[in-house]
N, C-alpha and C. Protein backbone atom coordinates (compact mmCIF):
# COMPACT_ATOMS: atom_id res chain seq x y z
N MET A 1 0.82 -1.19 0.00
CA MET A 1 0.00 0.00 0.00
C MET A 1 0.87 1.26 0.00
N GLN A 2 2.03 1.24 0.66
CA GLN A 2 2.91 2.40 0.72
C GLN A 2 3.41 2.77 -0.67
N ALA A 3 3.72 1.79 -1.52
CA ALA A 3 4.16 2.07 -2.89
C ALA A 3 3.06 2.75 -3.68
N ASP A 4 1.80 2.32 -3.49
CA ASP A 4 0.67 2.97 -4.15
C ASP A 4 0.55 4.43 -3.72
N LYS A 5 0.74 4.69 -2.45
CA LYS A 5 0.63 6.05 -1.95
C LYS A 5 1.72 6.94 -2.54
N LEU A 6 2.96 6.45 -2.59
CA LEU A 6 4.05 7.23 -3.15
C LEU A 6 3.83 7.51 -4.64
N ALA A 7 3.35 6.52 -5.37
CA ALA A 7 3.08 6.70 -6.80
C ALA A 7 1.96 7.72 -7.00
N THR A 8 0.92 7.64 -6.18
CA THR A 8 -0.19 8.58 -6.28
C THR A 8 0.27 9.99 -5.92
N GLU A 9 1.07 10.12 -4.89
CA GLU A 9 1.57 11.43 -4.45
C GLU A 9 2.31 12.14 -5.58
N LYS A 10 3.11 11.41 -6.33
CA LYS A 10 3.87 12.00 -7.42
C LYS A 10 3.00 12.36 -8.62
N LYS A 11 1.88 11.69 -8.80
CA LYS A 11 1.04 11.89 -9.98
C LYS A 11 -0.03 12.96 -9.80
N VAL A 12 -0.33 13.34 -8.56
CA VAL A 12 -1.36 14.35 -8.31
C VAL A 12 -0.70 15.70 -8.08
N ILE A 13 -1.11 16.68 -8.88
CA ILE A 13 -0.55 18.03 -8.77
C ILE A 13 -1.70 19.00 -8.54
N ILE A 14 -1.52 19.88 -7.56
CA ILE A 14 -2.51 20.91 -7.24
C ILE A 14 -1.86 22.27 -7.50
N PHE A 15 -2.52 23.11 -8.27
CA PHE A 15 -1.97 24.43 -8.60
C PHE A 15 -3.10 25.39 -8.92
N PRO A 16 -2.89 26.69 -8.91
CA PRO A 16 -1.68 27.39 -8.43
C PRO A 16 -1.62 27.38 -6.91
N ASN A 17 -0.45 27.49 -6.41
CA ASN A 17 -0.23 27.53 -4.98
C ASN A 17 0.83 28.58 -4.69
N PRO A 18 0.45 29.74 -4.16
CA PRO A 18 -0.83 30.09 -3.54
C PRO A 18 -1.92 30.34 -4.58
N THR A 19 -3.15 30.33 -4.09
CA THR A 19 -4.30 30.58 -4.94
C THR A 19 -5.16 31.69 -4.33
N ASN A 20 -5.98 32.31 -5.17
CA ASN A 20 -6.95 33.26 -4.63
C ASN A 20 -8.37 32.76 -4.82
N GLY A 21 -8.51 31.49 -5.26
CA GLY A 21 -9.86 30.95 -5.43
C GLY A 21 -9.89 29.57 -6.03
N ILE A 22 -9.79 29.48 -7.35
CA ILE A 22 -9.91 28.19 -8.03
C ILE A 22 -8.58 27.45 -8.00
N VAL A 23 -8.63 26.20 -7.53
CA VAL A 23 -7.47 25.31 -7.51
C VAL A 23 -7.70 24.24 -8.57
N ARG A 24 -6.72 24.00 -9.38
CA ARG A 24 -6.79 22.96 -10.42
C ARG A 24 -6.06 21.72 -9.92
N ILE A 25 -6.60 20.56 -10.31
CA ILE A 25 -6.02 19.29 -9.88
C ILE A 25 -5.74 18.45 -11.11
N LEU A 26 -4.50 18.01 -11.26
CA LEU A 26 -4.10 17.13 -12.36
C LEU A 26 -3.77 15.75 -11.80
N TYR A 27 -4.20 14.73 -12.51
CA TYR A 27 -3.94 13.34 -12.12
C TYR A 27 -3.17 12.68 -13.26
N HIS A 28 -1.87 12.84 -13.31
CA HIS A 28 -1.06 12.33 -14.41
C HIS A 28 -1.21 10.81 -14.57
N ASN A 29 -1.96 10.40 -15.58
CA ASN A 29 -2.17 8.98 -15.91
C ASN A 29 -2.61 8.16 -14.70
N LEU A 30 -3.49 8.72 -13.92
CA LEU A 30 -3.96 8.05 -12.72
C LEU A 30 -5.47 7.82 -12.85
N PRO A 31 -5.88 6.62 -13.26
CA PRO A 31 -7.31 6.39 -13.46
C PRO A 31 -8.06 6.25 -12.13
N VAL A 32 -9.27 6.76 -12.12
CA VAL A 32 -10.16 6.59 -10.97
C VAL A 32 -11.04 5.39 -11.31
N LYS A 33 -10.83 4.30 -10.63
CA LYS A 33 -11.54 3.06 -10.97
C LYS A 33 -12.89 2.95 -10.26
N LYS A 34 -12.95 3.36 -9.01
CA LYS A 34 -14.18 3.19 -8.24
C LYS A 34 -14.69 4.49 -7.65
N ASP A 35 -13.83 5.17 -6.90
CA ASP A 35 -14.32 6.29 -6.12
C ASP A 35 -13.21 7.30 -5.89
N LEU A 36 -13.60 8.57 -5.83
CA LEU A 36 -12.67 9.65 -5.53
C LEU A 36 -13.34 10.57 -4.53
N SER A 37 -12.59 11.01 -3.54
CA SER A 37 -13.11 12.01 -2.62
C SER A 37 -12.03 13.04 -2.34
N ILE A 38 -12.47 14.27 -2.15
CA ILE A 38 -11.57 15.36 -1.79
C ILE A 38 -12.14 16.00 -0.53
N THR A 39 -11.29 16.12 0.48
CA THR A 39 -11.69 16.74 1.74
C THR A 39 -10.75 17.89 2.02
N VAL A 40 -11.32 19.05 2.35
CA VAL A 40 -10.53 20.23 2.67
C VAL A 40 -10.59 20.44 4.18
N TYR A 41 -9.39 20.62 4.78
CA TYR A 41 -9.27 20.84 6.21
C TYR A 41 -8.61 22.18 6.47
N SER A 42 -9.00 22.82 7.57
CA SER A 42 -8.33 24.05 7.99
C SER A 42 -6.95 23.69 8.52
N GLU A 43 -6.17 24.71 8.79
CA GLU A 43 -4.83 24.52 9.35
C GLU A 43 -4.90 23.81 10.71
N LEU A 44 -6.02 23.95 11.40
CA LEU A 44 -6.21 23.32 12.71
C LEU A 44 -6.81 21.92 12.63
N GLY A 45 -7.08 21.45 11.39
CA GLY A 45 -7.60 20.11 11.22
C GLY A 45 -9.11 19.99 11.16
N GLN A 46 -9.82 21.11 11.14
CA GLN A 46 -11.28 21.09 11.05
C GLN A 46 -11.71 20.81 9.61
N MET A 47 -12.58 19.82 9.41
CA MET A 47 -13.07 19.51 8.07
C MET A 47 -14.00 20.63 7.61
N LEU A 48 -13.73 21.19 6.44
CA LEU A 48 -14.50 22.32 5.93
C LEU A 48 -15.37 21.95 4.73
N ARG A 49 -14.93 21.02 3.92
CA ARG A 49 -15.69 20.63 2.72
C ARG A 49 -15.28 19.21 2.33
N GLU A 50 -16.27 18.46 1.83
CA GLU A 50 -16.00 17.10 1.35
C GLU A 50 -16.80 16.89 0.07
N VAL A 51 -16.12 16.36 -0.94
CA VAL A 51 -16.74 16.13 -2.25
C VAL A 51 -16.44 14.69 -2.66
N HIS A 52 -17.45 13.99 -3.17
CA HIS A 52 -17.29 12.61 -3.65
C HIS A 52 -17.66 12.53 -5.12
N SER A 53 -16.98 11.65 -5.86
CA SER A 53 -17.26 11.49 -7.28
C SER A 53 -16.78 10.12 -7.74
N HIS A 54 -17.30 9.68 -8.88
CA HIS A 54 -16.82 8.46 -9.52
C HIS A 54 -15.93 8.79 -10.70
N THR A 55 -15.69 10.07 -10.92
CA THR A 55 -14.77 10.54 -11.95
C THR A 55 -13.83 11.57 -11.34
N ALA A 56 -12.80 11.94 -12.08
CA ALA A 56 -11.82 12.89 -11.59
C ALA A 56 -12.45 14.27 -11.40
N ILE A 57 -12.14 14.90 -10.29
CA ILE A 57 -12.56 16.28 -10.02
C ILE A 57 -11.36 17.15 -10.37
N ASN A 58 -11.53 18.06 -11.33
CA ASN A 58 -10.41 18.84 -11.84
C ASN A 58 -10.30 20.24 -11.27
N GLU A 59 -11.33 20.71 -10.58
CA GLU A 59 -11.30 22.04 -9.98
C GLU A 59 -11.91 22.01 -8.59
N LEU A 60 -11.38 22.86 -7.74
CA LEU A 60 -11.90 23.02 -6.40
C LEU A 60 -11.97 24.51 -6.12
N ASN A 61 -13.13 25.02 -5.74
CA ASN A 61 -13.30 26.45 -5.53
C ASN A 61 -13.14 26.78 -4.05
N LEU A 62 -12.08 27.52 -3.75
CA LEU A 62 -11.81 27.95 -2.38
C LEU A 62 -12.06 29.44 -2.19
N ALA A 63 -12.73 30.09 -3.15
CA ALA A 63 -12.92 31.54 -3.12
C ALA A 63 -13.64 32.01 -1.87
N SER A 64 -14.55 31.21 -1.33
CA SER A 64 -15.32 31.64 -0.15
C SER A 64 -14.54 31.44 1.16
N PHE A 65 -13.38 30.79 1.10
CA PHE A 65 -12.60 30.55 2.31
C PHE A 65 -11.73 31.77 2.63
N PRO A 66 -11.52 32.07 3.91
CA PRO A 66 -10.61 33.17 4.25
C PRO A 66 -9.16 32.80 3.92
N GLN A 67 -8.30 33.81 3.84
CA GLN A 67 -6.91 33.50 3.54
C GLN A 67 -6.31 32.66 4.67
N GLY A 68 -5.37 31.79 4.28
CA GLY A 68 -4.73 30.91 5.25
C GLY A 68 -4.23 29.66 4.56
N MET A 69 -3.78 28.70 5.36
CA MET A 69 -3.29 27.44 4.83
C MET A 69 -4.35 26.37 5.03
N TYR A 70 -4.52 25.53 4.01
CA TYR A 70 -5.51 24.45 4.04
C TYR A 70 -4.85 23.15 3.60
N TYR A 71 -5.33 22.06 4.16
CA TYR A 71 -4.88 20.73 3.75
C TYR A 71 -5.96 20.11 2.88
N ILE A 72 -5.53 19.51 1.81
CA ILE A 72 -6.47 18.86 0.89
C ILE A 72 -6.12 17.38 0.86
N ARG A 73 -7.05 16.55 1.33
CA ARG A 73 -6.85 15.10 1.29
C ARG A 73 -7.60 14.57 0.08
N ILE A 74 -6.86 13.89 -0.79
CA ILE A 74 -7.44 13.29 -1.98
C ILE A 74 -7.35 11.78 -1.81
N THR A 75 -8.50 11.13 -1.90
CA THR A 75 -8.55 9.67 -1.81
C THR A 75 -9.03 9.13 -3.14
N ILE A 76 -8.19 8.32 -3.76
CA ILE A 76 -8.52 7.69 -5.03
C ILE A 76 -8.57 6.20 -4.78
N ASP A 77 -9.74 5.64 -5.02
CA ASP A 77 -10.02 4.25 -4.69
C ASP A 77 -9.72 4.07 -3.20
N ASP A 78 -8.69 3.41 -2.77
CA ASP A 78 -8.44 3.28 -1.33
C ASP A 78 -7.11 3.88 -0.91
N VAL A 79 -6.54 4.77 -1.72
CA VAL A 79 -5.26 5.39 -1.43
C VAL A 79 -5.47 6.88 -1.16
N SER A 80 -5.01 7.35 0.00
CA SER A 80 -5.16 8.77 0.36
C SER A 80 -3.81 9.46 0.39
N ILE A 81 -3.81 10.70 -0.10
CA ILE A 81 -2.64 11.56 0.01
C ILE A 81 -3.13 12.91 0.54
N THR A 82 -2.24 13.66 1.14
CA THR A 82 -2.59 14.98 1.65
C THR A 82 -1.60 15.99 1.10
N LYS A 83 -2.12 17.08 0.57
CA LYS A 83 -1.31 18.19 0.07
C LYS A 83 -1.80 19.45 0.77
N TYR A 84 -0.99 20.50 0.74
CA TYR A 84 -1.45 21.75 1.34
C TYR A 84 -1.55 22.82 0.26
N ILE A 85 -2.36 23.82 0.53
CA ILE A 85 -2.54 24.94 -0.39
C ILE A 85 -2.64 26.20 0.46
N ILE A 86 -2.09 27.28 -0.05
CA ILE A 86 -2.19 28.58 0.61
C ILE A 86 -3.27 29.37 -0.11
N LYS A 87 -4.26 29.86 0.63
CA LYS A 87 -5.29 30.73 0.09
C LYS A 87 -4.88 32.14 0.47
N ALA A 88 -4.57 32.96 -0.55
CA ALA A 88 -4.13 34.33 -0.31
C ALA A 88 -5.20 35.30 -0.76
N THR A 89 -4.97 36.56 -0.51
CA THR A 89 -5.92 37.57 -0.98
C THR A 89 -5.90 37.60 -2.48
N SER A 90 -6.94 38.16 -3.07
CA SER A 90 -7.02 38.18 -4.53
C SER A 90 -5.92 39.04 -5.11
N GLY A 91 -5.55 38.70 -6.34
CA GLY A 91 -4.50 39.41 -7.04
C GLY A 91 -3.77 38.48 -7.97
N ASN A 92 -3.00 39.02 -8.84
CA ASN A 92 -2.24 38.22 -9.81
C ASN A 92 -0.83 38.07 -9.26
N TYR A 93 -0.41 36.84 -9.02
CA TYR A 93 0.88 36.57 -8.41
C TYR A 93 2.03 36.59 -9.40
N TYR A 94 1.72 36.58 -10.68
CA TYR A 94 2.76 36.38 -11.68
C TYR A 94 3.09 37.62 -12.47
N SER A 95 2.44 38.74 -12.21
CA SER A 95 2.78 39.98 -12.91
C SER A 95 3.17 41.04 -11.90
N ARG A 96 3.86 42.05 -12.37
CA ARG A 96 4.32 43.11 -11.46
C ARG A 96 3.52 44.36 -11.67
């Protein structure tokens, strides 16, 4: 099971980080065979949102959340990984 988790961790990418709202999720050649769930937790571990699907979820809207750090747990079939995302104030991070 540990090898599955490491392989999944490398194949799932969440961006942009930091974000001001919409987070995109890429699953590099990672098929969802049965079930997918995404759970968003506050920095203190409080569950804030949970989404379930039988197909890949490619976007997550965090626009209504206050700025701060959030943990995103993605479970694909029976393998879970956790990534973090920074929710910042609105603005364009890539231009001056």
